[in-house]
Amino acid sequence: MHITHSPLREDGTREPRREANYTVSGRSGNVLHMAMDGEDRKDDQGALVTWDLVALDSDTYCWRRNDWPAGSCTGKVQRCRQAQSGK
C-alpha cells in the first residue's frame, strides 16, 4: 500500500508531502495490519515494529503500533478534500 500525506499546519499551509510504502499482512474488521517498508524502529524486544491502520469511517483513520497499549492510536488523519472529489 502506498500512502501520500501532506499535513495541514495551524497557519493553513501544508507541510511538505510525505510518502511511505507498506506491506499489508492481514486484516481484522476495520484494521489493516502492515509493516512499513524500510522500517528501522524496534520494540522493547528488539523486533521491528509493525503498524495497524484503523479505519474510523470512510474518510478518517489513525495509526497504532503493535507495541502500544490496547486502544492507543495516533491523532486522526482526514482524507483531503481533493482526494475525496477525485481531482
N, C-alpha and C. Protein backbone atom coordinates (compact mmCIF):
# COMPACT_ATOMS: atom_id res chain seq x y z
N MET A 1 0.85 -1.15 0.00
CA MET A 1 0.00 0.00 0.00
C MET A 1 0.90 1.23 0.00
N HIS A 2 0.53 2.23 -0.76
CA HIS A 2 1.28 3.48 -0.85
C HIS A 2 0.42 4.60 -0.28
N ILE A 3 0.99 5.37 0.66
CA ILE A 3 0.27 6.48 1.27
C ILE A 3 1.04 7.77 1.03
N THR A 4 0.33 8.80 0.59
CA THR A 4 0.87 10.14 0.44
C THR A 4 0.15 11.02 1.44
N HIS A 5 0.92 11.82 2.18
CA HIS A 5 0.34 12.61 3.27
C HIS A 5 1.01 13.98 3.29
N SER A 6 0.20 15.03 3.37
CA SER A 6 0.71 16.40 3.46
C SER A 6 -0.07 17.12 4.55
N PRO A 7 0.38 17.01 5.80
CA PRO A 7 -0.38 17.58 6.92
C PRO A 7 -0.60 19.09 6.81
N LEU A 8 -1.75 19.52 7.29
CA LEU A 8 -2.10 20.93 7.32
C LEU A 8 -1.52 21.57 8.58
N ARG A 9 -0.81 22.66 8.40
CA ARG A 9 -0.26 23.40 9.53
C ARG A 9 -1.33 24.31 10.14
N GLU A 10 -1.07 24.80 11.34
CA GLU A 10 -2.03 25.69 12.02
C GLU A 10 -2.28 26.96 11.22
N ASP A 11 -1.28 27.43 10.44
CA ASP A 11 -1.46 28.66 9.68
C ASP A 11 -2.18 28.44 8.35
N GLY A 12 -2.62 27.20 8.10
CA GLY A 12 -3.38 26.89 6.88
C GLY A 12 -2.53 26.42 5.72
N THR A 13 -1.20 26.48 5.83
CA THR A 13 -0.34 25.97 4.77
C THR A 13 -0.10 24.48 5.01
N ARG A 14 0.40 23.80 4.00
CA ARG A 14 0.67 22.37 4.11
C ARG A 14 2.14 22.09 4.30
N GLU A 15 2.44 21.07 5.10
CA GLU A 15 3.81 20.59 5.24
C GLU A 15 4.22 19.91 3.94
N PRO A 16 5.52 19.74 3.73
CA PRO A 16 5.96 19.02 2.53
C PRO A 16 5.34 17.62 2.48
N ARG A 17 5.10 17.17 1.29
CA ARG A 17 4.47 15.86 1.07
C ARG A 17 5.36 14.74 1.57
N ARG A 18 4.76 13.80 2.28
CA ARG A 18 5.46 12.60 2.76
C ARG A 18 4.84 11.39 2.08
N GLU A 19 5.69 10.44 1.76
CA GLU A 19 5.21 9.22 1.14
C GLU A 19 5.80 8.02 1.85
N ALA A 20 5.03 6.95 1.93
CA ALA A 20 5.51 5.71 2.56
C ALA A 20 4.84 4.52 1.90
N ASN A 21 5.57 3.42 1.84
CA ASN A 21 5.04 2.17 1.31
C ASN A 21 4.95 1.15 2.44
N TYR A 22 3.89 0.36 2.41
CA TYR A 22 3.64 -0.64 3.44
C TYR A 22 3.33 -1.98 2.78
N THR A 23 3.72 -3.05 3.45
CA THR A 23 3.34 -4.40 3.05
C THR A 23 2.23 -4.84 3.99
N VAL A 24 1.06 -5.08 3.44
CA VAL A 24 -0.11 -5.48 4.23
C VAL A 24 -0.01 -6.97 4.52
N SER A 25 -0.13 -7.32 5.81
CA SER A 25 -0.01 -8.73 6.21
C SER A 25 -1.35 -9.34 6.62
N GLY A 26 -2.38 -8.52 6.78
CA GLY A 26 -3.67 -9.07 7.16
C GLY A 26 -4.68 -7.98 7.48
N ARG A 27 -5.88 -8.43 7.83
CA ARG A 27 -6.97 -7.52 8.14
C ARG A 27 -7.83 -8.13 9.24
N SER A 28 -8.31 -7.28 10.13
CA SER A 28 -9.24 -7.70 11.18
C SER A 28 -10.32 -6.62 11.27
N GLY A 29 -11.49 -6.88 10.76
CA GLY A 29 -12.56 -5.88 10.78
C GLY A 29 -12.14 -4.61 10.07
N ASN A 30 -12.09 -3.51 10.81
CA ASN A 30 -11.73 -2.21 10.22
C ASN A 30 -10.24 -1.89 10.36
N VAL A 31 -9.41 -2.91 10.60
CA VAL A 31 -7.98 -2.70 10.84
C VAL A 31 -7.16 -3.46 9.79
N LEU A 32 -6.21 -2.73 9.17
CA LEU A 32 -5.23 -3.36 8.28
C LEU A 32 -3.92 -3.50 9.05
N HIS A 33 -3.34 -4.69 9.08
CA HIS A 33 -2.06 -4.95 9.74
C HIS A 33 -0.97 -4.87 8.68
N MET A 34 0.09 -4.12 8.97
CA MET A 34 1.12 -3.94 7.95
C MET A 34 2.47 -3.58 8.54
N ALA A 35 3.48 -3.69 7.69
CA ALA A 35 4.84 -3.29 8.04
C ALA A 35 5.27 -2.21 7.06
N MET A 36 5.87 -1.14 7.58
CA MET A 36 6.35 -0.07 6.70
C MET A 36 7.64 -0.53 6.04
N ASP A 37 7.71 -0.42 4.74
CA ASP A 37 8.92 -0.78 4.01
C ASP A 37 10.06 0.11 4.48
N GLY A 38 11.19 -0.49 4.85
CA GLY A 38 12.35 0.26 5.31
C GLY A 38 12.28 0.66 6.78
N GLU A 39 11.30 0.14 7.52
CA GLU A 39 11.16 0.48 8.94
C GLU A 39 12.43 0.10 9.70
N ASP A 40 12.88 0.99 10.60
CA ASP A 40 14.05 0.67 11.41
C ASP A 40 13.78 0.80 12.91
N ARG A 41 12.56 1.23 13.28
CA ARG A 41 12.22 1.32 14.71
C ARG A 41 11.96 -0.07 15.26
N LYS A 42 12.37 -0.27 16.50
CA LYS A 42 12.22 -1.59 17.13
C LYS A 42 11.45 -1.47 18.43
N ASP A 43 10.76 -2.56 18.79
CA ASP A 43 10.04 -2.59 20.06
C ASP A 43 11.02 -2.97 21.18
N ASP A 44 10.50 -3.07 22.39
CA ASP A 44 11.37 -3.37 23.55
C ASP A 44 12.05 -4.73 23.46
N GLN A 45 11.51 -5.64 22.66
CA GLN A 45 12.13 -6.96 22.49
C GLN A 45 13.12 -6.98 21.33
N GLY A 46 13.29 -5.84 20.65
CA GLY A 46 14.25 -5.75 19.56
C GLY A 46 13.71 -6.12 18.20
N ALA A 47 12.40 -6.39 18.10
CA ALA A 47 11.78 -6.71 16.81
C ALA A 47 11.32 -5.43 16.13
N LEU A 48 11.35 -5.42 14.80
CA LEU A 48 10.84 -4.26 14.07
C LEU A 48 9.37 -4.07 14.39
N VAL A 49 8.97 -2.81 14.58
CA VAL A 49 7.56 -2.55 14.88
C VAL A 49 6.72 -2.77 13.62
N THR A 50 5.48 -3.13 13.84
CA THR A 50 4.50 -3.20 12.76
C THR A 50 3.39 -2.23 13.10
N TRP A 51 2.55 -1.96 12.14
CA TRP A 51 1.54 -0.92 12.28
C TRP A 51 0.16 -1.45 11.93
N ASP A 52 -0.84 -0.86 12.58
CA ASP A 52 -2.23 -1.10 12.24
C ASP A 52 -2.81 0.22 11.76
N LEU A 53 -3.43 0.19 10.59
CA LEU A 53 -4.20 1.34 10.13
C LEU A 53 -5.64 1.05 10.55
N VAL A 54 -6.18 1.91 11.42
CA VAL A 54 -7.52 1.72 11.96
C VAL A 54 -8.47 2.66 11.23
N ALA A 55 -9.36 2.11 10.42
CA ALA A 55 -10.35 2.92 9.70
C ALA A 55 -11.46 3.31 10.67
N LEU A 56 -11.59 4.61 10.91
CA LEU A 56 -12.60 5.11 11.84
C LEU A 56 -13.93 5.37 11.14
N ASP A 57 -13.86 5.78 9.88
CA ASP A 57 -15.03 5.91 9.00
C ASP A 57 -14.48 5.96 7.58
N SER A 58 -15.30 6.27 6.59
CA SER A 58 -14.84 6.21 5.20
C SER A 58 -13.81 7.28 4.84
N ASP A 59 -13.65 8.31 5.68
CA ASP A 59 -12.72 9.40 5.38
C ASP A 59 -11.67 9.64 6.46
N THR A 60 -11.65 8.83 7.53
CA THR A 60 -10.76 9.09 8.66
C THR A 60 -10.12 7.80 9.15
N TYR A 61 -8.83 7.88 9.48
CA TYR A 61 -8.14 6.73 10.05
C TYR A 61 -7.12 7.21 11.07
N CYS A 62 -6.57 6.28 11.83
CA CYS A 62 -5.46 6.56 12.74
C CYS A 62 -4.51 5.36 12.69
N TRP A 63 -3.33 5.55 13.24
CA TRP A 63 -2.30 4.50 13.27
C TRP A 63 -2.12 4.00 14.69
N ARG A 64 -1.81 2.72 14.79
CA ARG A 64 -1.49 2.11 16.09
C ARG A 64 -0.29 1.18 15.88
N ARG A 65 0.72 1.34 16.74
CA ARG A 65 1.88 0.45 16.67
C ARG A 65 1.57 -0.84 17.42
N ASN A 66 2.20 -1.93 16.99
CA ASN A 66 1.94 -3.23 17.61
C ASN A 66 2.33 -3.29 19.08
N ASP A 67 3.24 -2.43 19.52
CA ASP A 67 3.69 -2.48 20.91
C ASP A 67 3.04 -1.42 21.79
N TRP A 68 2.06 -0.70 21.28
CA TRP A 68 1.34 0.28 22.09
C TRP A 68 0.23 -0.40 22.88
N PRO A 69 -0.17 0.19 24.00
CA PRO A 69 -1.27 -0.40 24.78
C PRO A 69 -2.57 -0.49 23.97
N ALA A 70 -3.40 -1.46 24.30
CA ALA A 70 -4.69 -1.63 23.62
C ALA A 70 -5.47 -0.32 23.67
N GLY A 71 -6.09 0.03 22.56
CA GLY A 71 -6.90 1.25 22.49
C GLY A 71 -6.12 2.49 22.13
N SER A 72 -4.78 2.42 22.09
CA SER A 72 -3.97 3.58 21.72
C SER A 72 -4.05 3.82 20.22
N CYS A 73 -3.94 5.07 19.84
CA CYS A 73 -3.96 5.42 18.42
C CYS A 73 -3.37 6.82 18.26
N THR A 74 -2.81 7.10 17.10
CA THR A 74 -2.31 8.43 16.81
C THR A 74 -3.51 9.38 16.66
N GLY A 75 -3.23 10.63 16.40
CA GLY A 75 -4.30 11.55 16.06
C GLY A 75 -4.98 11.11 14.77
N LYS A 76 -6.20 11.54 14.57
CA LYS A 76 -6.95 11.17 13.38
C LYS A 76 -6.35 11.80 12.13
N VAL A 77 -6.37 11.04 11.04
CA VAL A 77 -5.94 11.53 9.74
C VAL A 77 -7.18 11.61 8.88
N GLN A 78 -7.45 12.78 8.31
CA GLN A 78 -8.63 13.02 7.49
C GLN A 78 -8.24 13.02 6.03
N ARG A 79 -9.02 12.34 5.21
CA ARG A 79 -8.78 12.36 3.76
C ARG A 79 -8.91 13.79 3.27
N CYS A 80 -8.01 14.22 2.39
CA CYS A 80 -8.08 15.60 1.91
C CYS A 80 -9.25 15.76 0.94
N ARG A 81 -9.77 16.96 0.89
CA ARG A 81 -10.94 17.25 0.04
C ARG A 81 -10.63 16.93 -1.42
N GLN A 82 -9.43 17.23 -1.85
CA GLN A 82 -9.05 16.98 -3.24
C GLN A 82 -9.16 15.49 -3.57
N ALA A 83 -8.71 14.63 -2.68
CA ALA A 83 -8.79 13.19 -2.91
C ALA A 83 -10.24 12.72 -2.89
N GLN A 84 -11.08 13.33 -2.05
CA GLN A 84 -12.48 12.96 -1.97
C GLN A 84 -13.22 13.25 -3.26
N SER A 85 -12.85 14.35 -3.92
CA SER A 85 -13.56 14.73 -5.15
C SER A 85 -13.00 14.03 -6.37
N GLY A 86 -11.89 13.29 -6.19
CA GLY A 86 -11.29 12.57 -7.31
C GLY A 86 -10.41 13.42 -8.20
N LYS A 87 -10.08 14.62 -7.77
CA LYS A 87 -9.24 15.51 -8.58
C LYS A 87 -7.79 15.29 -8.29
